[in-house]
N, C-alpha and C. Protein backbone atom coordinates (compact mmCIF):
# COMPACT_ATOMS: atom_id res chain seq x y z
N MET A 1 0.85 -1.19 0.00
CA MET A 1 0.00 0.00 0.00
C MET A 1 0.89 1.24 0.00
N THR A 2 0.71 2.09 -1.00
CA THR A 2 1.54 3.29 -1.15
C THR A 2 0.64 4.51 -1.36
N VAL A 3 1.03 5.61 -0.71
CA VAL A 3 0.34 6.89 -0.90
C VAL A 3 1.25 7.77 -1.75
N TYR A 4 0.78 8.11 -2.94
CA TYR A 4 1.56 8.93 -3.87
C TYR A 4 1.11 10.39 -3.76
N LEU A 5 2.07 11.28 -3.65
CA LEU A 5 1.78 12.72 -3.58
C LEU A 5 2.25 13.37 -4.87
N HIS A 6 1.32 14.07 -5.54
CA HIS A 6 1.62 14.78 -6.78
C HIS A 6 1.37 16.26 -6.57
N GLU A 7 2.12 17.08 -7.27
CA GLU A 7 1.99 18.53 -7.16
C GLU A 7 1.22 19.09 -8.35
N GLU A 8 0.09 19.75 -8.08
CA GLU A 8 -0.68 20.54 -9.05
C GLU A 8 -1.48 19.73 -10.09
N ASP A 9 -1.14 18.48 -10.31
CA ASP A 9 -1.91 17.66 -11.25
C ASP A 9 -1.47 16.20 -11.12
N LEU A 10 -2.25 15.31 -11.70
CA LEU A 10 -1.85 13.92 -11.78
C LEU A 10 -0.71 13.75 -12.77
N PRO A 11 0.09 12.70 -12.60
CA PRO A 11 1.15 12.44 -13.58
C PRO A 11 0.54 11.95 -14.90
N GLY A 12 1.35 11.89 -15.91
CA GLY A 12 0.86 11.57 -17.24
C GLY A 12 0.49 10.13 -17.48
N ASP A 13 1.11 9.19 -16.72
CA ASP A 13 0.88 7.80 -17.09
C ASP A 13 0.50 6.82 -15.98
N PRO A 14 1.02 6.90 -14.74
CA PRO A 14 0.87 5.73 -13.88
C PRO A 14 -0.51 5.54 -13.26
N PHE A 15 -1.37 6.51 -13.33
CA PHE A 15 -2.67 6.38 -12.66
C PHE A 15 -3.78 6.25 -13.69
N ALA A 16 -4.35 5.06 -13.80
CA ALA A 16 -5.41 4.80 -14.78
C ALA A 16 -6.55 4.08 -14.09
N PRO A 17 -7.41 4.82 -13.39
CA PRO A 17 -8.49 4.18 -12.62
C PRO A 17 -9.57 3.60 -13.52
N GLY A 18 -10.41 2.75 -12.92
CA GLY A 18 -11.46 2.09 -13.66
C GLY A 18 -12.74 2.89 -13.69
N ALA A 19 -13.87 2.17 -13.66
CA ALA A 19 -15.17 2.80 -13.85
C ALA A 19 -15.64 3.62 -12.65
N ALA A 20 -15.06 3.37 -11.46
CA ALA A 20 -15.45 4.12 -10.26
C ALA A 20 -14.20 4.57 -9.54
N ILE A 21 -14.21 5.82 -9.07
CA ILE A 21 -13.07 6.36 -8.35
C ILE A 21 -13.54 7.07 -7.09
N ALA A 22 -12.90 6.78 -5.97
CA ALA A 22 -13.21 7.45 -4.72
C ALA A 22 -12.50 8.80 -4.68
N VAL A 23 -13.23 9.82 -4.21
CA VAL A 23 -12.72 11.19 -4.24
C VAL A 23 -12.98 11.87 -2.89
N ASP A 24 -12.01 12.64 -2.44
CA ASP A 24 -12.20 13.47 -1.25
C ASP A 24 -11.35 14.72 -1.42
N THR A 25 -11.61 15.72 -0.60
CA THR A 25 -10.83 16.95 -0.66
C THR A 25 -10.43 17.38 0.75
N GLU A 26 -9.31 18.09 0.83
CA GLU A 26 -8.90 18.77 2.06
C GLU A 26 -8.76 20.25 1.73
N THR A 27 -9.35 21.09 2.57
CA THR A 27 -9.33 22.53 2.35
C THR A 27 -8.83 23.23 3.61
N MET A 28 -8.67 24.54 3.53
CA MET A 28 -8.22 25.30 4.68
C MET A 28 -9.33 25.54 5.70
N GLY A 29 -10.55 25.19 5.36
CA GLY A 29 -11.68 25.38 6.27
C GLY A 29 -12.95 24.93 5.58
N LEU A 30 -14.08 25.35 6.13
CA LEU A 30 -15.36 24.85 5.65
C LEU A 30 -16.14 25.85 4.81
N LEU A 31 -15.60 27.03 4.57
CA LEU A 31 -16.25 28.03 3.72
C LEU A 31 -15.55 28.02 2.37
N THR A 32 -16.18 27.44 1.39
CA THR A 32 -15.51 27.16 0.12
C THR A 32 -14.89 28.38 -0.55
N PRO A 33 -15.60 29.50 -0.72
CA PRO A 33 -14.95 30.64 -1.39
C PRO A 33 -13.79 31.23 -0.60
N ARG A 34 -13.84 31.10 0.72
CA ARG A 34 -12.78 31.67 1.56
C ARG A 34 -11.61 30.73 1.75
N ASP A 35 -11.89 29.46 1.94
CA ASP A 35 -10.89 28.49 2.38
C ASP A 35 -10.46 27.61 1.21
N ARG A 36 -9.27 27.86 0.73
CA ARG A 36 -8.84 27.29 -0.55
C ARG A 36 -8.72 25.77 -0.51
N LEU A 37 -8.85 25.19 -1.68
CA LEU A 37 -8.64 23.76 -1.88
C LEU A 37 -7.15 23.46 -1.83
N CYS A 38 -6.78 22.51 -0.98
CA CYS A 38 -5.36 22.18 -0.80
C CYS A 38 -4.99 20.82 -1.38
N VAL A 39 -5.84 19.82 -1.18
CA VAL A 39 -5.51 18.46 -1.58
C VAL A 39 -6.75 17.78 -2.14
N VAL A 40 -6.58 17.02 -3.22
CA VAL A 40 -7.61 16.13 -3.74
C VAL A 40 -7.08 14.71 -3.63
N GLN A 41 -7.86 13.83 -2.99
CA GLN A 41 -7.46 12.45 -2.79
C GLN A 41 -8.25 11.53 -3.72
N LEU A 42 -7.58 10.50 -4.24
CA LEU A 42 -8.20 9.59 -5.20
C LEU A 42 -7.81 8.15 -4.88
N SER A 43 -8.75 7.24 -5.10
CA SER A 43 -8.48 5.82 -5.00
C SER A 43 -9.33 5.08 -6.00
N ASP A 44 -8.73 4.08 -6.66
CA ASP A 44 -9.50 3.24 -7.58
C ASP A 44 -9.96 1.95 -6.91
N GLY A 45 -9.81 1.88 -5.58
CA GLY A 45 -10.20 0.69 -4.84
C GLY A 45 -9.08 -0.31 -4.68
N GLY A 46 -7.93 -0.02 -5.27
CA GLY A 46 -6.77 -0.90 -5.16
C GLY A 46 -5.92 -0.55 -3.95
N PRO A 47 -4.69 -1.03 -3.90
CA PRO A 47 -3.86 -0.86 -2.70
C PRO A 47 -3.24 0.53 -2.55
N ASP A 48 -3.28 1.35 -3.58
CA ASP A 48 -2.61 2.65 -3.53
C ASP A 48 -3.61 3.80 -3.57
N GLU A 49 -3.18 4.94 -3.01
CA GLU A 49 -3.97 6.17 -3.10
C GLU A 49 -3.10 7.27 -3.70
N HIS A 50 -3.76 8.22 -4.35
CA HIS A 50 -3.05 9.33 -4.99
C HIS A 50 -3.58 10.65 -4.42
N LEU A 51 -2.65 11.52 -4.01
CA LEU A 51 -2.99 12.84 -3.50
C LEU A 51 -2.45 13.89 -4.47
N VAL A 52 -3.28 14.85 -4.83
CA VAL A 52 -2.84 15.97 -5.66
C VAL A 52 -2.90 17.22 -4.80
N ARG A 53 -1.75 17.85 -4.60
CA ARG A 53 -1.68 19.02 -3.72
C ARG A 53 -1.55 20.29 -4.54
N PHE A 54 -2.25 21.34 -4.09
CA PHE A 54 -2.20 22.64 -4.75
C PHE A 54 -1.55 23.66 -3.81
N ALA A 55 -0.62 24.43 -4.34
CA ALA A 55 0.12 25.41 -3.56
C ALA A 55 -0.69 26.69 -3.39
N PRO A 56 -0.33 27.52 -2.41
CA PRO A 56 -0.96 28.85 -2.31
C PRO A 56 -0.78 29.62 -3.61
N GLY A 57 -1.83 30.27 -4.07
CA GLY A 57 -1.77 31.01 -5.32
C GLY A 57 -1.88 30.14 -6.56
N SER A 58 -2.19 28.88 -6.40
CA SER A 58 -2.31 27.98 -7.54
C SER A 58 -3.35 28.49 -8.53
N ALA A 59 -3.08 28.25 -9.80
CA ALA A 59 -4.06 28.57 -10.85
C ALA A 59 -5.06 27.44 -11.01
N TYR A 60 -4.85 26.33 -10.30
CA TYR A 60 -5.73 25.15 -10.39
C TYR A 60 -5.91 24.70 -11.84
N ALA A 61 -4.82 24.79 -12.59
CA ALA A 61 -4.83 24.29 -13.96
C ALA A 61 -4.31 22.86 -13.92
N ALA A 62 -5.21 21.92 -13.78
CA ALA A 62 -4.85 20.51 -13.62
C ALA A 62 -5.61 19.70 -14.67
N PRO A 63 -5.16 19.73 -15.91
CA PRO A 63 -5.96 19.13 -16.99
C PRO A 63 -6.21 17.64 -16.84
N ARG A 64 -5.24 16.90 -16.35
CA ARG A 64 -5.46 15.45 -16.21
C ARG A 64 -6.44 15.15 -15.08
N LEU A 65 -6.29 15.85 -13.97
CA LEU A 65 -7.20 15.66 -12.85
C LEU A 65 -8.62 16.09 -13.22
N THR A 66 -8.77 17.23 -13.83
CA THR A 66 -10.10 17.72 -14.17
C THR A 66 -10.77 16.82 -15.21
N ALA A 67 -10.00 16.32 -16.17
CA ALA A 67 -10.59 15.41 -17.16
C ALA A 67 -11.09 14.14 -16.49
N LEU A 68 -10.34 13.63 -15.54
CA LEU A 68 -10.74 12.43 -14.81
C LEU A 68 -12.02 12.66 -14.02
N LEU A 69 -12.07 13.76 -13.28
CA LEU A 69 -13.21 14.02 -12.40
C LEU A 69 -14.45 14.47 -13.17
N ALA A 70 -14.28 15.08 -14.30
CA ALA A 70 -15.43 15.55 -15.09
C ALA A 70 -15.97 14.49 -16.04
N ASP A 71 -15.31 13.35 -16.13
CA ASP A 71 -15.72 12.30 -17.06
C ASP A 71 -17.09 11.74 -16.65
N PRO A 72 -18.13 11.92 -17.47
CA PRO A 72 -19.47 11.45 -17.09
C PRO A 72 -19.61 9.94 -17.10
N ALA A 73 -18.63 9.25 -17.67
CA ALA A 73 -18.68 7.79 -17.72
C ALA A 73 -18.06 7.14 -16.48
N ARG A 74 -17.47 7.94 -15.61
CA ARG A 74 -16.79 7.39 -14.43
C ARG A 74 -17.51 7.83 -13.16
N LEU A 75 -17.97 6.88 -12.37
CA LEU A 75 -18.66 7.16 -11.11
C LEU A 75 -17.68 7.67 -10.07
N LYS A 76 -18.09 8.72 -9.34
CA LYS A 76 -17.27 9.25 -8.26
C LYS A 76 -17.90 8.88 -6.92
N LEU A 77 -17.11 8.28 -6.04
CA LEU A 77 -17.57 7.87 -4.73
C LEU A 77 -17.12 8.90 -3.70
N TYR A 78 -18.08 9.36 -2.89
CA TYR A 78 -17.79 10.37 -1.88
C TYR A 78 -18.33 9.93 -0.52
N HIS A 79 -17.83 10.61 0.52
CA HIS A 79 -18.49 10.59 1.82
C HIS A 79 -18.74 12.06 2.16
N PHE A 80 -20.00 12.47 2.10
CA PHE A 80 -20.43 13.87 2.16
C PHE A 80 -19.92 14.61 0.91
N GLY A 81 -20.38 14.13 -0.22
CA GLY A 81 -19.98 14.70 -1.50
C GLY A 81 -20.45 16.11 -1.74
N ARG A 82 -21.47 16.51 -1.03
CA ARG A 82 -21.96 17.89 -1.18
C ARG A 82 -20.83 18.90 -1.03
N PHE A 83 -19.98 18.71 -0.03
CA PHE A 83 -18.87 19.64 0.19
C PHE A 83 -17.81 19.50 -0.88
N ASP A 84 -17.43 18.26 -1.18
CA ASP A 84 -16.35 18.03 -2.15
C ASP A 84 -16.73 18.50 -3.55
N ILE A 85 -17.97 18.22 -3.97
CA ILE A 85 -18.41 18.64 -5.30
C ILE A 85 -18.40 20.16 -5.41
N ALA A 86 -18.81 20.85 -4.34
CA ALA A 86 -18.79 22.32 -4.36
C ALA A 86 -17.36 22.84 -4.45
N ALA A 87 -16.45 22.26 -3.68
CA ALA A 87 -15.05 22.71 -3.71
C ALA A 87 -14.42 22.47 -5.07
N LEU A 88 -14.68 21.32 -5.66
CA LEU A 88 -14.12 21.01 -6.97
C LEU A 88 -14.71 21.91 -8.06
N GLN A 89 -15.99 22.22 -7.93
CA GLN A 89 -16.60 23.12 -8.91
C GLN A 89 -16.03 24.53 -8.79
N TYR A 90 -15.88 24.99 -7.56
CA TYR A 90 -15.42 26.37 -7.34
C TYR A 90 -13.97 26.55 -7.79
N TYR A 91 -13.10 25.60 -7.45
CA TYR A 91 -11.67 25.77 -7.72
C TYR A 91 -11.21 25.17 -9.04
N LEU A 92 -11.79 24.06 -9.46
CA LEU A 92 -11.36 23.43 -10.70
C LEU A 92 -12.30 23.70 -11.87
N GLY A 93 -13.48 24.26 -11.58
CA GLY A 93 -14.41 24.63 -12.64
C GLY A 93 -15.10 23.46 -13.29
N ILE A 94 -15.28 22.36 -12.55
CA ILE A 94 -15.91 21.16 -13.11
C ILE A 94 -17.02 20.67 -12.20
N VAL A 95 -17.92 19.89 -12.76
CA VAL A 95 -18.92 19.17 -11.97
C VAL A 95 -18.46 17.72 -11.90
N ALA A 96 -18.01 17.30 -10.74
CA ALA A 96 -17.43 15.97 -10.56
C ALA A 96 -18.53 14.96 -10.27
N ALA A 97 -19.23 14.58 -11.31
CA ALA A 97 -20.37 13.66 -11.22
C ALA A 97 -20.28 12.72 -12.42
N PRO A 98 -21.06 11.62 -12.41
CA PRO A 98 -22.09 11.20 -11.45
C PRO A 98 -21.49 10.79 -10.11
N ALA A 99 -22.33 10.86 -9.08
CA ALA A 99 -21.86 10.68 -7.71
C ALA A 99 -22.55 9.50 -7.03
N TRP A 100 -21.84 8.95 -6.06
CA TRP A 100 -22.39 7.94 -5.14
C TRP A 100 -21.86 8.31 -3.76
N ASP A 101 -22.76 8.52 -2.79
CA ASP A 101 -22.36 9.09 -1.50
C ASP A 101 -22.64 8.12 -0.36
N THR A 102 -21.57 7.72 0.33
CA THR A 102 -21.73 6.75 1.42
C THR A 102 -22.44 7.34 2.62
N LYS A 103 -22.33 8.64 2.84
CA LYS A 103 -23.02 9.25 3.98
C LYS A 103 -24.52 9.30 3.74
N ILE A 104 -24.93 9.67 2.54
CA ILE A 104 -26.35 9.67 2.21
C ILE A 104 -26.90 8.24 2.29
N ALA A 105 -26.16 7.29 1.73
CA ALA A 105 -26.61 5.90 1.78
C ALA A 105 -26.76 5.44 3.22
N SER A 106 -25.81 5.82 4.07
CA SER A 106 -25.89 5.44 5.49
C SER A 106 -27.13 6.02 6.15
N ARG A 107 -27.44 7.27 5.85
CA ARG A 107 -28.61 7.89 6.46
C ARG A 107 -29.91 7.25 5.99
N LEU A 108 -29.90 6.74 4.76
CA LEU A 108 -31.10 6.10 4.24
C LEU A 108 -31.28 4.69 4.77
N ILE A 109 -30.19 4.02 5.10
CA ILE A 109 -30.29 2.61 5.46
C ILE A 109 -29.98 2.33 6.93
N ARG A 110 -29.13 3.12 7.56
CA ARG A 110 -28.79 2.90 8.97
C ARG A 110 -29.64 3.81 9.85
N THR A 111 -30.94 3.63 9.75
CA THR A 111 -31.88 4.48 10.49
C THR A 111 -31.94 4.13 11.97
N TYR A 112 -31.18 3.13 12.38
CA TYR A 112 -31.11 2.74 13.79
C TYR A 112 -30.07 3.54 14.56
N THR A 113 -29.38 4.49 13.88
CA THR A 113 -28.35 5.29 14.53
C THR A 113 -28.32 6.68 13.93
N ASP A 114 -27.75 7.62 14.67
CA ASP A 114 -27.52 8.96 14.13
C ASP A 114 -26.03 9.20 13.89
N ARG A 115 -25.25 8.13 13.89
CA ARG A 115 -23.80 8.23 13.71
C ARG A 115 -23.45 7.77 12.29
N HIS A 116 -23.23 8.74 11.43
CA HIS A 116 -23.01 8.44 10.01
C HIS A 116 -21.65 8.94 9.51
N GLY A 117 -20.74 9.21 10.45
CA GLY A 117 -19.40 9.61 10.05
C GLY A 117 -18.64 8.46 9.42
N LEU A 118 -17.59 8.79 8.68
CA LEU A 118 -16.80 7.77 8.00
C LEU A 118 -16.19 6.79 9.00
N LYS A 119 -15.72 7.31 10.11
CA LYS A 119 -15.11 6.44 11.12
C LYS A 119 -16.10 5.39 11.61
N GLU A 120 -17.35 5.81 11.89
CA GLU A 120 -18.36 4.87 12.38
C GLU A 120 -18.73 3.85 11.31
N LEU A 121 -18.83 4.31 10.06
CA LEU A 121 -19.17 3.39 8.97
C LEU A 121 -18.08 2.33 8.78
N VAL A 122 -16.84 2.76 8.76
CA VAL A 122 -15.74 1.82 8.56
C VAL A 122 -15.70 0.81 9.71
N LYS A 123 -15.95 1.27 10.91
CA LYS A 123 -15.91 0.37 12.06
C LYS A 123 -17.04 -0.66 12.01
N GLU A 124 -18.27 -0.20 11.73
CA GLU A 124 -19.41 -1.13 11.75
C GLU A 124 -19.42 -2.06 10.54
N LEU A 125 -19.21 -1.51 9.36
CA LEU A 125 -19.38 -2.29 8.14
C LEU A 125 -18.15 -3.10 7.77
N LEU A 126 -16.96 -2.59 8.13
CA LEU A 126 -15.73 -3.27 7.72
C LEU A 126 -14.92 -3.82 8.88
N GLY A 127 -15.29 -3.44 10.11
CA GLY A 127 -14.59 -3.94 11.29
C GLY A 127 -13.19 -3.37 11.45
N LEU A 128 -12.97 -2.13 10.96
CA LEU A 128 -11.66 -1.51 11.03
C LEU A 128 -11.73 -0.20 11.80
N GLU A 129 -10.63 0.16 12.45
CA GLU A 129 -10.55 1.42 13.18
C GLU A 129 -9.89 2.47 12.29
N LEU A 130 -10.51 3.63 12.21
CA LEU A 130 -10.03 4.73 11.37
C LEU A 130 -9.66 5.91 12.27
N SER A 131 -8.44 6.38 12.17
CA SER A 131 -8.00 7.52 12.97
C SER A 131 -8.44 8.83 12.33
N LYS A 132 -8.93 9.74 13.18
CA LYS A 132 -9.33 11.07 12.70
C LYS A 132 -8.49 12.17 13.35
N GLN A 133 -7.29 11.82 13.83
CA GLN A 133 -6.48 12.78 14.56
C GLN A 133 -6.03 13.96 13.71
N GLN A 134 -5.88 13.74 12.41
CA GLN A 134 -5.39 14.81 11.53
C GLN A 134 -6.51 15.58 10.84
N GLN A 135 -7.77 15.35 11.27
CA GLN A 135 -8.89 15.98 10.59
C GLN A 135 -8.78 17.50 10.59
N SER A 136 -8.42 18.07 11.74
CA SER A 136 -8.24 19.51 11.86
C SER A 136 -6.75 19.82 11.91
N SER A 137 -6.15 19.95 10.75
CA SER A 137 -4.74 20.28 10.68
C SER A 137 -4.51 21.23 9.51
N ASP A 138 -3.31 21.75 9.41
CA ASP A 138 -2.99 22.76 8.41
C ASP A 138 -2.66 22.09 7.08
N TRP A 139 -3.66 22.01 6.21
CA TRP A 139 -3.47 21.37 4.92
C TRP A 139 -2.74 22.26 3.92
N GLY A 140 -2.55 23.50 4.28
CA GLY A 140 -1.81 24.40 3.41
C GLY A 140 -0.35 24.55 3.78
N ALA A 141 0.12 23.72 4.71
CA ALA A 141 1.52 23.79 5.14
C ALA A 141 2.48 23.48 3.99
N PRO A 142 3.70 24.01 4.04
CA PRO A 142 4.66 23.76 2.95
C PRO A 142 4.94 22.27 2.73
N GLU A 143 4.90 21.48 3.79
CA GLU A 143 5.11 20.05 3.69
C GLU A 143 3.99 19.33 4.44
N LEU A 144 3.48 18.27 3.87
CA LEU A 144 2.50 17.44 4.55
C LEU A 144 3.23 16.34 5.31
N SER A 145 2.87 16.16 6.57
CA SER A 145 3.49 15.11 7.37
C SER A 145 3.01 13.74 6.90
N ASP A 146 3.73 12.71 7.31
CA ASP A 146 3.32 11.35 6.99
C ASP A 146 1.93 11.07 7.57
N ALA A 147 1.66 11.60 8.76
CA ALA A 147 0.35 11.39 9.38
C ALA A 147 -0.75 12.06 8.57
N GLN A 148 -0.48 13.26 8.05
CA GLN A 148 -1.47 13.94 7.20
C GLN A 148 -1.72 13.16 5.91
N ARG A 149 -0.66 12.67 5.31
CA ARG A 149 -0.81 11.92 4.05
C ARG A 149 -1.63 10.65 4.28
N ASP A 150 -1.35 9.95 5.37
CA ASP A 150 -2.09 8.71 5.63
C ASP A 150 -3.54 9.01 5.97
N TYR A 151 -3.77 10.08 6.72
CA TYR A 151 -5.15 10.46 7.03
C TYR A 151 -5.91 10.80 5.75
N ALA A 152 -5.31 11.61 4.89
CA ALA A 152 -5.97 12.00 3.64
C ALA A 152 -6.27 10.77 2.79
N ALA A 153 -5.32 9.86 2.72
CA ALA A 153 -5.52 8.64 1.93
C ALA A 153 -6.61 7.77 2.52
N SER A 154 -6.70 7.72 3.85
CA SER A 154 -7.70 6.86 4.49
C SER A 154 -9.12 7.33 4.20
N ASP A 155 -9.29 8.59 3.84
CA ASP A 155 -10.63 9.11 3.54
C ASP A 155 -11.19 8.54 2.23
N VAL A 156 -10.33 8.01 1.38
CA VAL A 156 -10.81 7.38 0.14
C VAL A 156 -10.52 5.88 0.08
N ARG A 157 -9.71 5.40 1.00
CA ARG A 157 -9.22 4.02 0.96
C ARG A 157 -10.34 2.98 1.03
N TYR A 158 -11.42 3.29 1.75
CA TYR A 158 -12.44 2.28 2.03
C TYR A 158 -13.77 2.53 1.31
N LEU A 159 -13.86 3.56 0.50
CA LEU A 159 -15.16 3.93 -0.06
C LEU A 159 -15.71 2.89 -1.02
N HIS A 160 -14.86 2.23 -1.78
CA HIS A 160 -15.37 1.18 -2.68
C HIS A 160 -16.00 0.04 -1.88
N ARG A 161 -15.34 -0.38 -0.83
CA ARG A 161 -15.87 -1.47 -0.01
C ARG A 161 -17.14 -1.06 0.72
N LEU A 162 -17.18 0.18 1.20
CA LEU A 162 -18.39 0.67 1.86
C LEU A 162 -19.56 0.71 0.88
N LYS A 163 -19.29 1.18 -0.33
CA LYS A 163 -20.35 1.24 -1.35
C LYS A 163 -20.95 -0.15 -1.59
N ASP A 164 -20.10 -1.15 -1.72
CA ASP A 164 -20.59 -2.50 -1.97
C ASP A 164 -21.54 -2.97 -0.87
N GLU A 165 -21.17 -2.74 0.37
CA GLU A 165 -22.01 -3.19 1.49
C GLU A 165 -23.28 -2.36 1.59
N LEU A 166 -23.16 -1.05 1.42
CA LEU A 166 -24.34 -0.19 1.51
C LEU A 166 -25.31 -0.46 0.36
N GLU A 167 -24.80 -0.75 -0.81
CA GLU A 167 -25.68 -1.11 -1.94
C GLU A 167 -26.50 -2.35 -1.62
N ARG A 168 -25.87 -3.33 -1.02
CA ARG A 168 -26.61 -4.55 -0.64
C ARG A 168 -27.74 -4.23 0.33
N ARG A 169 -27.46 -3.37 1.29
CA ARG A 169 -28.47 -3.03 2.29
C ARG A 169 -29.60 -2.18 1.69
N LEU A 170 -29.23 -1.25 0.81
CA LEU A 170 -30.25 -0.45 0.15
C LEU A 170 -31.18 -1.33 -0.68
N ALA A 171 -30.62 -2.28 -1.40
CA ALA A 171 -31.45 -3.19 -2.20
C ALA A 171 -32.34 -4.04 -1.30
N ARG A 172 -31.79 -4.50 -0.20
CA ARG A 172 -32.55 -5.34 0.73
C ARG A 172 -33.78 -4.61 1.27
N GLU A 173 -33.65 -3.31 1.51
CA GLU A 173 -34.75 -2.53 2.09
C GLU A 173 -35.56 -1.77 1.05
N GLY A 174 -35.27 -1.98 -0.23
CA GLY A 174 -36.04 -1.35 -1.29
C GLY A 174 -35.82 0.15 -1.40
N ARG A 175 -34.60 0.62 -1.11
CA ARG A 175 -34.33 2.06 -1.13
C ARG A 175 -33.28 2.45 -2.15
N SER A 176 -32.98 1.56 -3.07
CA SER A 176 -31.93 1.86 -4.06
C SER A 176 -32.29 3.03 -4.96
N GLU A 177 -33.52 3.08 -5.44
CA GLU A 177 -33.94 4.15 -6.34
C GLU A 177 -33.99 5.49 -5.62
N LEU A 178 -34.41 5.48 -4.37
CA LEU A 178 -34.42 6.71 -3.59
C LEU A 178 -32.99 7.23 -3.39
N ALA A 179 -32.08 6.31 -3.12
CA ALA A 179 -30.68 6.71 -2.96
C ALA A 179 -30.14 7.30 -4.26
N ARG A 180 -30.45 6.65 -5.39
CA ARG A 180 -29.96 7.14 -6.68
C ARG A 180 -30.46 8.56 -6.96
N ALA A 181 -31.71 8.83 -6.62
CA ALA A 181 -32.26 10.17 -6.83
C ALA A 181 -31.53 11.20 -5.97
N CYS A 182 -31.19 10.82 -4.74
CA CYS A 182 -30.44 11.72 -3.87
C CYS A 182 -29.04 11.98 -4.42
N PHE A 183 -28.39 10.93 -4.90
CA PHE A 183 -27.05 11.11 -5.47
C PHE A 183 -27.09 12.02 -6.70
N ASP A 184 -28.11 11.84 -7.53
CA ASP A 184 -28.22 12.66 -8.74
C ASP A 184 -28.44 14.14 -8.41
N PHE A 185 -29.03 14.40 -7.25
CA PHE A 185 -29.30 15.78 -6.86
C PHE A 185 -28.07 16.48 -6.26
N LEU A 186 -27.06 15.72 -5.88
CA LEU A 186 -25.92 16.30 -5.17
C LEU A 186 -25.27 17.48 -5.89
N PRO A 187 -24.99 17.42 -7.20
CA PRO A 187 -24.41 18.59 -7.84
C PRO A 187 -25.28 19.84 -7.75
N HIS A 188 -26.60 19.65 -7.74
CA HIS A 188 -27.51 20.79 -7.62
C HIS A 188 -27.49 21.35 -6.19
N ARG A 189 -27.37 20.45 -5.20
CA ARG A 189 -27.27 20.90 -3.81
C ARG A 189 -25.97 21.68 -3.61
N ALA A 190 -24.89 21.21 -4.23
CA ALA A 190 -23.62 21.93 -4.15
C ALA A 190 -23.72 23.29 -4.84
N ALA A 191 -24.43 23.35 -5.97
CA ALA A 191 -24.61 24.63 -6.66
C ALA A 191 -25.41 25.61 -5.82
N LEU A 192 -26.42 25.11 -5.10
CA LEU A 192 -27.17 25.97 -4.18
C LEU A 192 -26.26 26.52 -3.09
N ASP A 193 -25.38 25.67 -2.56
CA ASP A 193 -24.43 26.13 -1.54
C ASP A 193 -23.57 27.27 -2.08
N LEU A 194 -23.03 27.08 -3.27
CA LEU A 194 -22.14 28.09 -3.85
C LEU A 194 -22.90 29.36 -4.21
N ALA A 195 -24.19 29.24 -4.51
CA ALA A 195 -24.98 30.40 -4.91
C ALA A 195 -25.55 31.18 -3.74
N GLY A 196 -25.34 30.69 -2.50
CA GLY A 196 -25.76 31.47 -1.34
C GLY A 196 -26.86 30.87 -0.50
N TRP A 197 -27.21 29.60 -0.76
CA TRP A 197 -28.25 28.94 0.04
C TRP A 197 -27.69 27.74 0.81
N PRO A 198 -26.58 27.90 1.54
CA PRO A 198 -25.97 26.74 2.19
C PRO A 198 -26.79 26.15 3.32
N GLU A 199 -27.52 26.98 4.06
CA GLU A 199 -28.26 26.48 5.22
C GLU A 199 -29.77 26.57 5.03
N VAL A 200 -30.20 26.80 3.81
CA VAL A 200 -31.64 26.97 3.54
C VAL A 200 -32.16 25.74 2.85
N ASP A 201 -33.27 25.18 3.37
CA ASP A 201 -33.97 24.09 2.72
C ASP A 201 -35.02 24.70 1.79
N VAL A 202 -34.71 24.75 0.50
CA VAL A 202 -35.62 25.42 -0.43
C VAL A 202 -36.92 24.65 -0.62
N PHE A 203 -36.99 23.44 -0.10
CA PHE A 203 -38.21 22.63 -0.19
C PHE A 203 -39.10 22.83 1.05
N ALA A 204 -38.60 23.53 2.05
CA ALA A 204 -39.38 23.69 3.28
C ALA A 204 -40.56 24.62 3.07
N HIS A 205 -41.61 24.44 3.86
CA HIS A 205 -42.80 25.28 3.77
C HIS A 205 -42.53 26.67 4.33
N ALA A 206 -41.81 26.73 5.43
CA ALA A 206 -41.56 28.04 6.08
C ALA A 206 -40.09 28.42 5.95
């Protein structure tokens, strides 16, 4: 298992993912226009993960990365994709869809709990412990520590396996189509966030 770190874009040849790719982002904070995109993490479900880091003042001109993420024939796996899709749209100028979201799937199928974080999902569904110690750290630092790299990689390392298990449960409970509709709406929810409606439920009566 190797974590590869690339600067400003993917390399030209060694990374050729299949039909589904796990995606996550690390930013300087939670306000997308204010807090710049620092790292994009990718996994094809195999033993390695790839991190693409952007420097302060980056032009975010990453043609290989953007082509990969904007490819409509390749499914993107997220955990809370609403945030990642918005960040990728704002900084890279792409809609990284179609999407499949493990957090949404968890909320639709694990109605016996209110704990839908990645750590809880990995523990219950895969029987593994996931460290979140580096969740709040400086992703814009000149150098990323080994702990930061491993944390970033772990955010995409298990998404393919989680999807497989959550898909089985959604099918068992007859909620697959509802989940698909929610996933299809994610880019529009991200667009609402970027347009100024981050905390407003536009479907609410009041």
